[in-house]
Amino acid sequence: MQHTRVTAPVGERIAVVDVLRAVALFGIIITHCAQGYLAARPPKPGFMNLTDLDGVVADVVFLLAVGKFFTIFSFLFGLSFALQMNNAAKKGSAFAGRFTWRLIVLGLIALVHNMFYAGDILIIYVVLGLLLIPFRVVNTKVLLVIALALILNVPGLVLGWRGLNEPPPSVEQQQVETQLRAQAAQDAQRQYDIKKNGPSGEIIRLNLTDGLEGKFVFQVRSGRLWMTFGLFLLGLCAGRAEVFRQNDANSGFFRKLMWTSGAVAAVTTVIGIVWPSGFLITSVGDLFFSFSRTVQQAALSAFYVAVVALLYWRNPARGLLPRLAPVGKMGLTVYLTQTVFGVLLFYGFGLGMLGEIGIAAAVALGILFFIAQVLLARWWMGSFSMGPVEWLWRSLTYFRLQPNQAASAS
């Protein structure tokens, strides 16, 4: 089938993509800190809302950050897939086998990460990344339709509608549901207690058992699993269309995207404030507000991408955004070290601050740590071409130690 091929020189980095990845990582650490790096159902609603300020910060983070920056992160994974595929084609080297092995290596890194933090997203990326391989030959227009349907959680919408038309639960089913809710509450308290007070060995066992199972159950029940894959496909389409090459056409595209997505995000954000939605769908209204939440997440994420791209292109050599590029270049290292910071701050084998500090303080500490990461990334990338984990990943992918000297130093 025919599709547009990227025409960039082999191996050339697109700086605005690194900036976007850094912005996504900034939003991710804010989201995780606001949740205490718990990566599980909280033991009680608002368990980190210790003051009125915490409640305000929680609402702002939920509306403007939760889900949005992982949306961008996932989109960029699909974009990177397109760029890697194109580079392999230009070099005349095999792609599918090497990419599969690359994902297997990432899966090993992800498993180690998941041992300490059950909120790891890399395992999901590995599973869905393997599904990307057969989709690389599909027509771009077909991919775009599939991507948008998955991102907007159309499968979940259909399942929710079917659920509304099912007969009401019997007395026995209601009793079972009550028991399951009680069990879930007990499990939430148990996981909280282990992460708050437990030794590292107990936390690792929890994360490799209940943590892994709970992650995939949540991904399926919430629709995040296919929504993430839709974002991968959208990133693949964007890579084929070269939308991040700076030119008049792409600038015009992002201006239109900014205004359109901004308007949709504004309307759906207001809806989310007035009628907040949950996972439980018991009426047509619940289904509508849940869908509105999904649209808000997608639209606000698109708005962020458009604004960052346009601001960066205004002056790629000056200002704050270019200073973030080193963070994006070593995004895997930054993502993993954010977890080191988070679990040492909140978990029992570290400072044990889970439930001891409020959301506002946690978010502030996360922002300070990200600033430190920006400074460290700029220092590191002054001497090296890859972050330490990126270097390890690439070396294991190619079965030999890779050179890691920055171009300016060589």
Protein backbone atom coordinates (compact mmCIF):
# COMPACT_ATOMS: atom_id res chain seq x y z
CA MET A 1 0.00 0.00 0.00
CA GLN A 2 1.12 3.57 -0.58
CA HIS A 3 2.08 5.98 2.13
CA THR A 4 4.25 9.06 2.52
CA ARG A 5 7.84 8.39 3.54
CA VAL A 6 9.86 10.69 5.74
CA THR A 7 12.64 12.36 3.74
CA ALA A 8 14.90 13.58 6.54
CA PRO A 9 18.60 12.69 6.50
CA VAL A 10 19.41 9.37 8.17
CA GLY A 11 19.69 9.70 11.94
CA GLU A 12 18.84 13.41 12.06
CA ARG A 13 17.06 14.36 15.28
CA ILE A 14 14.04 16.62 15.17
CA ALA A 15 14.67 19.04 18.03
CA VAL A 16 11.03 19.98 18.63
CA VAL A 17 10.24 16.31 19.27
CA ASP A 18 12.86 16.24 22.05
CA VAL A 19 11.30 19.39 23.51
CA LEU A 20 7.84 17.80 23.42
CA ARG A 21 9.15 14.69 25.14
CA ALA A 22 10.63 16.87 27.88
CA VAL A 23 7.33 18.70 28.32
CA ALA A 24 5.56 15.33 28.57
CA LEU A 25 8.01 14.20 31.26
CA PHE A 26 7.37 17.42 33.20
CA GLY A 27 3.65 16.67 33.22
CA ILE A 28 4.25 13.03 34.12
CA ILE A 29 6.24 13.80 37.27
CA ILE A 30 3.59 16.31 38.36
CA THR A 31 0.88 13.68 37.87
CA HIS A 32 2.79 10.99 39.74
CA CYS A 33 3.71 13.29 42.63
CA ALA A 34 0.09 14.41 42.98
CA GLN A 35 -0.78 10.72 43.44
CA GLY A 36 2.10 10.02 45.81
CA TYR A 37 3.57 7.51 43.35
CA LEU A 38 1.00 5.13 44.79
CA ALA A 39 0.09 3.49 41.46
CA ALA A 40 -2.93 1.86 43.05
CA ARG A 41 -6.38 2.71 44.31
CA PRO A 42 -6.00 5.19 47.21
CA PRO A 43 -6.98 3.88 50.66
CA LYS A 44 -9.56 6.65 50.93
CA PRO A 45 -10.76 9.51 48.72
CA GLY A 46 -8.50 12.55 48.89
CA PHE A 47 -5.90 10.84 51.09
CA MET A 48 -3.32 13.54 50.19
CA ASN A 49 -5.75 16.48 50.55
CA LEU A 50 -4.44 17.79 53.85
CA THR A 51 -5.27 21.47 53.29
CA ASP A 52 -7.55 23.58 51.13
CA LEU A 53 -4.59 24.33 48.87
CA ASP A 54 -4.10 20.61 48.32
CA GLY A 55 -7.69 20.36 47.09
CA VAL A 56 -7.19 23.20 44.63
CA VAL A 57 -3.93 21.74 43.32
CA ALA A 58 -5.57 18.31 43.02
CA ASP A 59 -8.38 19.74 40.89
CA VAL A 60 -5.98 21.68 38.66
CA VAL A 61 -3.71 18.67 38.16
CA PHE A 62 -6.67 16.43 37.39
CA LEU A 63 -8.14 18.82 34.82
CA LEU A 64 -4.93 20.00 33.15
CA ALA A 65 -2.37 17.23 33.65
CA VAL A 66 -3.69 13.75 34.46
CA GLY A 67 -3.69 11.67 31.29
CA LYS A 68 -2.65 14.54 29.01
CA PHE A 69 1.10 14.18 29.23
CA PHE A 70 1.03 10.39 28.98
CA THR A 71 -1.06 10.99 25.86
CA ILE A 72 1.79 13.08 24.41
CA PHE A 73 4.40 10.55 25.59
CA SER A 74 2.53 7.71 23.88
CA PHE A 75 2.05 9.71 20.68
CA LEU A 76 5.79 10.36 20.55
CA PHE A 77 6.48 6.63 20.90
CA GLY A 78 4.56 6.01 17.67
CA LEU A 79 6.35 8.93 16.02
CA SER A 80 9.73 7.49 17.01
CA PHE A 81 8.67 4.16 15.52
CA ALA A 82 8.05 5.89 12.17
CA LEU A 83 11.39 7.68 12.26
CA GLN A 84 13.32 4.52 13.17
CA MET A 85 11.57 2.60 10.41
CA ASN A 86 12.46 5.26 7.89
CA ASN A 87 16.10 5.38 8.98
CA ALA A 88 16.35 1.60 8.66
CA ALA A 89 14.89 1.79 5.14
CA LYS A 90 17.42 4.44 4.11
CA LYS A 91 20.28 2.35 5.45
CA GLY A 92 18.91 -0.72 3.70
CA SER A 93 18.87 -2.65 6.98
CA ALA A 94 16.21 -4.97 8.37
CA PHE A 95 13.73 -3.30 10.69
CA ALA A 96 11.12 -5.67 12.15
CA GLY A 97 13.56 -8.11 13.77
CA ARG A 98 15.78 -5.40 15.22
CA PHE A 99 12.80 -3.43 16.54
CA THR A 100 11.35 -6.57 18.13
CA TRP A 101 14.62 -7.27 19.94
CA ARG A 102 14.82 -3.60 20.92
CA LEU A 103 11.38 -3.94 22.54
CA ILE A 104 12.41 -7.14 24.32
CA VAL A 105 15.37 -5.31 25.85
CA LEU A 106 13.04 -2.46 26.83
CA GLY A 107 10.76 -5.08 28.39
CA LEU A 108 13.60 -6.26 30.63
CA ILE A 109 14.28 -2.68 31.70
CA ALA A 110 10.56 -2.22 32.30
CA LEU A 111 10.35 -5.34 34.45
CA VAL A 112 13.11 -4.06 36.71
CA HIS A 113 11.36 -0.69 36.86
CA ASN A 114 8.04 -2.35 37.70
CA MET A 115 9.68 -4.17 40.60
CA PHE A 116 9.93 -0.84 42.41
CA TYR A 117 7.04 1.08 40.85
CA ALA A 118 3.82 -0.56 39.71
CA GLY A 119 2.89 2.53 37.69
CA ASP A 120 5.48 1.66 35.05
CA ILE A 121 4.11 2.31 31.55
CA LEU A 122 6.98 0.77 29.61
CA ILE A 123 5.61 -2.78 29.82
CA ILE A 124 2.42 -1.58 28.15
CA TYR A 125 4.53 0.12 25.47
CA VAL A 126 6.43 -3.12 24.83
CA VAL A 127 3.23 -5.15 24.37
CA LEU A 128 1.58 -2.56 22.13
CA GLY A 129 4.84 -1.80 20.34
CA LEU A 130 4.93 -5.35 19.04
CA LEU A 131 1.47 -4.79 17.55
CA LEU A 132 2.78 -1.75 15.70
CA ILE A 133 5.00 -3.88 13.47
CA PRO A 134 2.26 -5.38 11.26
CA PHE A 135 0.54 -1.98 11.04
CA ARG A 136 3.58 -0.38 9.40
CA VAL A 137 2.35 -1.39 5.94
CA VAL A 138 -1.23 -0.13 6.37
CA ASN A 139 -2.41 2.88 4.37
CA THR A 140 -2.09 6.16 6.29
CA LYS A 141 -5.76 7.14 5.87
CA VAL A 142 -6.88 3.80 7.25
CA LEU A 143 -4.43 4.15 10.15
CA LEU A 144 -5.77 7.62 10.92
CA VAL A 145 -9.38 6.42 11.11
CA ILE A 146 -8.42 3.52 13.39
CA ALA A 147 -6.24 5.79 15.54
CA LEU A 148 -8.97 8.38 16.13
CA ALA A 149 -11.56 5.70 16.92
CA LEU A 150 -9.25 4.17 19.53
CA ILE A 151 -8.09 7.49 21.02
CA LEU A 152 -11.70 8.58 21.50
CA ASN A 153 -12.40 5.21 23.15
CA VAL A 154 -15.14 4.24 20.73
CA PRO A 155 -14.86 0.58 21.87
CA GLY A 156 -15.49 1.72 25.45
CA LEU A 157 -18.40 3.85 24.28
CA VAL A 158 -19.98 0.85 22.57
CA LEU A 159 -19.43 -1.37 25.61
CA GLY A 160 -20.89 1.30 27.89
CA TRP A 161 -23.98 1.64 25.69
CA ARG A 162 -24.47 -2.11 25.67
CA GLY A 163 -24.15 -2.16 29.46
CA LEU A 164 -26.96 0.38 29.77
CA ASN A 165 -29.28 -1.90 27.81
CA GLU A 166 -28.62 -4.96 29.93
CA PRO A 167 -31.21 -6.00 32.55
CA PRO A 168 -30.64 -4.62 36.07
CA PRO A 169 -28.49 -6.85 38.31
CA SER A 170 -30.22 -9.48 40.40
CA VAL A 171 -30.07 -9.50 44.19
CA GLU A 172 -27.34 -12.15 44.07
CA GLN A 173 -25.29 -10.08 41.60
CA GLN A 174 -25.65 -7.00 43.80
CA GLN A 175 -24.41 -8.99 46.79
CA VAL A 176 -21.39 -10.20 44.83
CA GLU A 177 -20.67 -6.65 43.68
CA THR A 178 -20.84 -5.41 47.29
CA GLN A 179 -18.39 -8.12 48.35
CA LEU A 180 -16.03 -7.23 45.49
CA ARG A 181 -16.09 -3.55 46.46
CA ALA A 182 -15.31 -4.43 50.06
CA GLN A 183 -12.46 -6.68 48.94
CA ALA A 184 -11.12 -3.95 46.67
CA ALA A 185 -11.13 -1.49 49.59
CA GLN A 186 -9.22 -3.98 51.73
CA ASP A 187 -6.69 -4.58 48.96
CA ALA A 188 -6.23 -0.83 48.52
CA GLN A 189 -5.48 -0.40 52.22
CA ARG A 190 -3.11 -3.39 52.18
CA GLN A 191 -1.16 -2.04 49.20
CA TYR A 192 -0.98 1.39 50.79
CA ASP A 193 0.33 -0.04 54.07
CA ILE A 194 2.99 -2.09 52.28
CA LYS A 195 4.23 0.86 50.23
CA LYS A 196 4.07 3.21 53.19
CA ASN A 197 5.81 0.95 55.71
CA GLY A 198 6.96 -2.24 54.05
CA PRO A 199 10.55 -3.29 53.34
CA SER A 200 11.78 -3.28 49.74
CA GLY A 201 11.39 -7.04 49.34
CA GLU A 202 7.71 -6.93 50.24
CA ILE A 203 7.12 -3.98 47.90
CA ILE A 204 8.85 -5.80 45.03
CA ARG A 205 6.70 -8.90 45.57
CA LEU A 206 3.58 -6.74 45.61
CA ASN A 207 4.53 -4.90 42.42
CA LEU A 208 5.35 -8.10 40.52
CA THR A 209 2.07 -9.77 41.49
CA ASP A 210 -0.88 -7.54 42.34
CA GLY A 211 0.80 -4.53 40.74
CA LEU A 212 1.20 -6.14 37.32
CA GLU A 213 -2.26 -7.71 37.40
CA GLY A 214 -3.90 -4.48 38.52
CA LYS A 215 -2.12 -2.51 35.82
CA PHE A 216 -3.47 -4.61 32.96
CA VAL A 217 -6.95 -4.87 34.51
CA PHE A 218 -7.08 -1.08 34.78
CA GLN A 219 -5.75 -0.63 31.24
CA VAL A 220 -8.54 -2.81 29.84
CA ARG A 221 -11.42 -1.59 32.02
CA SER A 222 -10.60 2.06 31.48
CA GLY A 223 -9.94 1.69 27.76
CA ARG A 224 -6.40 3.05 28.20
CA LEU A 225 -4.95 -0.01 26.48
CA TRP A 226 -6.48 0.62 23.06
CA MET A 227 -6.36 4.39 23.52
CA THR A 228 -2.58 4.14 23.91
CA PHE A 229 -2.34 1.99 20.80
CA GLY A 230 -4.40 4.58 18.94
CA LEU A 231 -1.86 7.20 19.99
CA PHE A 232 0.93 4.96 18.67
CA LEU A 233 -0.86 4.79 15.32
CA LEU A 234 -1.43 8.56 15.29
CA GLY A 235 2.28 9.06 15.93
CA LEU A 236 3.05 6.76 13.02
CA CYS A 237 0.79 8.86 10.78
CA ALA A 238 2.47 12.06 11.98
CA GLY A 239 5.88 10.61 11.23
CA ARG A 240 4.86 9.71 7.70
CA ALA A 241 3.42 13.19 7.13
CA GLU A 242 6.53 14.90 8.55
CA VAL A 243 4.37 17.31 10.56
CA PHE A 244 7.27 18.26 12.83
CA ARG A 245 9.49 19.57 10.03
CA GLN A 246 9.53 23.34 10.32
CA ASN A 247 7.94 24.90 7.27
CA ASP A 248 5.02 27.20 6.44
CA ALA A 249 2.60 24.36 5.79
CA ASN A 250 3.27 22.67 9.15
CA SER A 251 3.15 25.99 11.00
CA GLY A 252 -0.25 26.64 9.44
CA PHE A 253 -1.40 23.15 10.40
CA PHE A 254 -0.42 23.63 14.04
CA ARG A 255 -2.04 27.06 14.22
CA LYS A 256 -5.32 25.52 13.06
CA LEU A 257 -4.84 22.64 15.47
CA MET A 258 -4.15 25.04 18.33
CA TRP A 259 -7.35 27.04 17.83
CA THR A 260 -9.55 24.02 17.12
CA SER A 261 -8.27 21.81 19.91
CA GLY A 262 -8.17 24.77 22.30
CA ALA A 263 -11.85 25.52 21.70
CA VAL A 264 -12.86 21.88 22.16
CA ALA A 265 -10.68 21.58 25.27
CA ALA A 266 -12.23 24.73 26.78
CA VAL A 267 -15.79 23.47 26.32
CA THR A 268 -15.09 19.96 27.59
CA THR A 269 -13.05 21.28 30.53
CA VAL A 270 -16.04 23.37 31.63
CA ILE A 271 -18.22 20.28 31.30
CA GLY A 272 -15.72 18.36 33.42
CA ILE A 273 -15.81 21.04 36.12
CA VAL A 274 -19.61 21.24 36.23
CA TRP A 275 -20.32 17.52 35.75
CA PRO A 276 -17.27 15.47 36.81
CA SER A 277 -17.34 11.89 35.51
CA GLY A 278 -16.21 8.61 36.99
CA PHE A 279 -15.64 5.08 35.75
CA LEU A 280 -19.09 3.84 36.79
CA ILE A 281 -21.59 4.12 33.90
CA THR A 282 -25.20 3.82 35.07
CA SER A 283 -26.98 6.25 32.75
CA VAL A 284 -26.78 7.94 29.36
CA GLY A 285 -25.62 11.06 31.18
CA ASP A 286 -22.70 9.15 32.73
CA LEU A 287 -21.77 7.85 29.29
CA PHE A 288 -21.87 11.35 27.77
CA PHE A 289 -19.77 12.93 30.52
CA SER A 290 -17.28 10.08 30.38
CA PHE A 291 -16.93 10.58 26.62
CA SER A 292 -16.56 14.33 27.17
CA ARG A 293 -13.69 13.58 29.56
CA THR A 294 -12.01 11.46 26.88
CA VAL A 295 -12.41 14.23 24.30
CA GLN A 296 -11.04 16.78 26.78
CA GLN A 297 -7.94 14.68 27.35
CA ALA A 298 -7.27 14.30 23.63
CA ALA A 299 -8.06 17.92 22.76
CA LEU A 300 -5.99 19.44 25.56
CA SER A 301 -3.06 17.18 24.70
CA ALA A 302 -3.26 18.29 21.06
CA PHE A 303 -3.42 21.92 22.21
CA TYR A 304 -0.26 21.48 24.29
CA VAL A 305 1.59 19.90 21.34
CA ALA A 306 0.54 22.69 18.96
CA VAL A 307 1.48 25.47 21.37
CA VAL A 308 4.89 23.98 22.17
CA ALA A 309 5.70 23.41 18.49
CA LEU A 310 4.71 26.94 17.49
CA LEU A 311 6.54 28.58 20.40
CA TYR A 312 9.67 26.56 19.74
CA TRP A 313 9.67 27.36 16.03
CA ARG A 314 9.41 31.09 16.76
CA ASN A 315 13.02 31.01 18.02
CA PRO A 316 14.65 27.55 18.18
CA ALA A 317 17.88 28.94 19.61
CA ARG A 318 16.66 31.05 22.53
CA GLY A 319 14.27 30.88 25.43
CA LEU A 320 13.21 28.11 27.79
CA LEU A 321 12.03 25.45 25.35
CA PRO A 322 15.39 24.83 23.61
CA ARG A 323 16.91 24.29 27.06
CA LEU A 324 14.54 21.36 27.56
CA ALA A 325 15.77 19.42 24.51
CA PRO A 326 18.52 17.51 26.40
CA VAL A 327 15.83 16.13 28.74
CA GLY A 328 13.95 14.77 25.73
CA LYS A 329 17.09 13.27 24.23
CA MET A 330 17.58 11.15 27.34
CA GLY A 331 13.87 10.69 28.06
CA LEU A 332 14.11 7.07 29.24
CA THR A 333 16.80 7.95 31.78
CA VAL A 334 14.76 10.93 32.97
CA TYR A 335 11.58 8.84 33.27
CA LEU A 336 13.33 6.17 35.33
CA THR A 337 15.16 8.62 37.60
CA GLN A 338 11.84 10.33 38.30
CA THR A 339 10.71 7.01 39.72
CA VAL A 340 13.85 6.79 41.87
CA PHE A 341 13.00 10.21 43.26
CA GLY A 342 9.33 9.35 43.78
CA VAL A 343 9.69 6.00 45.54
CA LEU A 344 12.52 7.25 47.76
CA LEU A 345 10.37 10.22 48.76
CA PHE A 346 7.13 8.36 49.40
CA TYR A 347 7.84 4.66 50.08
CA GLY A 348 8.80 2.93 53.31
CA PHE A 349 12.34 2.03 52.19
CA GLY A 350 12.93 5.76 51.63
CA LEU A 351 11.60 8.76 53.51
CA GLY A 352 8.12 7.23 53.85
CA MET A 353 6.29 10.50 53.12
CA LEU A 354 3.25 8.79 51.57
CA GLY A 355 0.23 10.34 53.27
CA GLU A 356 2.47 12.62 55.32
CA ILE A 357 2.70 15.50 52.84
CA GLY A 358 -0.11 17.00 50.81
CA ILE A 359 -0.55 17.26 47.07
CA ALA A 360 0.69 20.85 46.86
CA ALA A 361 3.97 20.07 48.62
CA ALA A 362 4.42 16.87 46.60
CA VAL A 363 3.89 18.68 43.29
CA ALA A 364 6.28 21.45 44.35
CA LEU A 365 8.97 18.89 45.15
CA GLY A 366 8.36 17.20 41.80
CA ILE A 367 8.81 20.50 39.96
CA LEU A 368 12.05 21.19 41.84
CA PHE A 369 13.35 17.73 40.95
CA PHE A 370 12.46 18.26 37.30
CA ILE A 371 14.40 21.52 37.29
CA ALA A 372 17.38 19.57 38.67
CA GLN A 373 16.90 17.02 35.87
CA VAL A 374 16.98 19.80 33.27
CA LEU A 375 20.29 21.06 34.63
CA LEU A 376 21.78 17.57 34.89
CA ALA A 377 20.60 16.62 31.40
CA ARG A 378 22.19 19.74 29.90
CA TRP A 379 25.45 18.90 31.69
CA TRP A 380 25.37 15.23 30.63
CA MET A 381 24.49 15.86 27.01
CA GLY A 382 27.38 18.33 26.80
CA SER A 383 29.72 15.34 26.93
CA PHE A 384 27.62 12.43 25.69
CA SER A 385 25.27 11.76 22.79
CA MET A 386 22.95 9.46 24.79
CA GLY A 387 21.70 9.20 28.32
CA PRO A 388 23.12 6.32 30.40
CA VAL A 389 20.02 4.12 30.13
CA GLU A 390 19.68 4.95 26.40
CA TRP A 391 23.30 3.91 25.96
CA LEU A 392 22.68 0.62 27.80
CA TRP A 393 19.53 -0.01 25.78
CA ARG A 394 21.31 0.62 22.47
CA SER A 395 24.33 -1.47 23.47
CA LEU A 396 22.15 -4.43 24.42
CA THR A 397 20.16 -4.00 21.20
CA TYR A 398 23.28 -4.23 19.03
CA PHE A 399 25.17 -6.73 21.24
CA ARG A 400 28.18 -4.43 21.60
CA LEU A 401 29.16 -1.31 23.49
CA GLN A 402 28.10 1.76 21.57
CA PRO A 403 30.12 4.99 21.24
CA ASN A 404 28.64 7.70 23.41
CA GLN A 405 30.67 10.83 22.79
CA ALA A 406 28.93 14.09 22.02
CA ALA A 407 29.58 15.50 18.54
CA SER A 408 30.93 18.73 20.01
CA ALA A 409 33.50 16.80 22.05
CA SER A 410 34.63 14.45 19.31
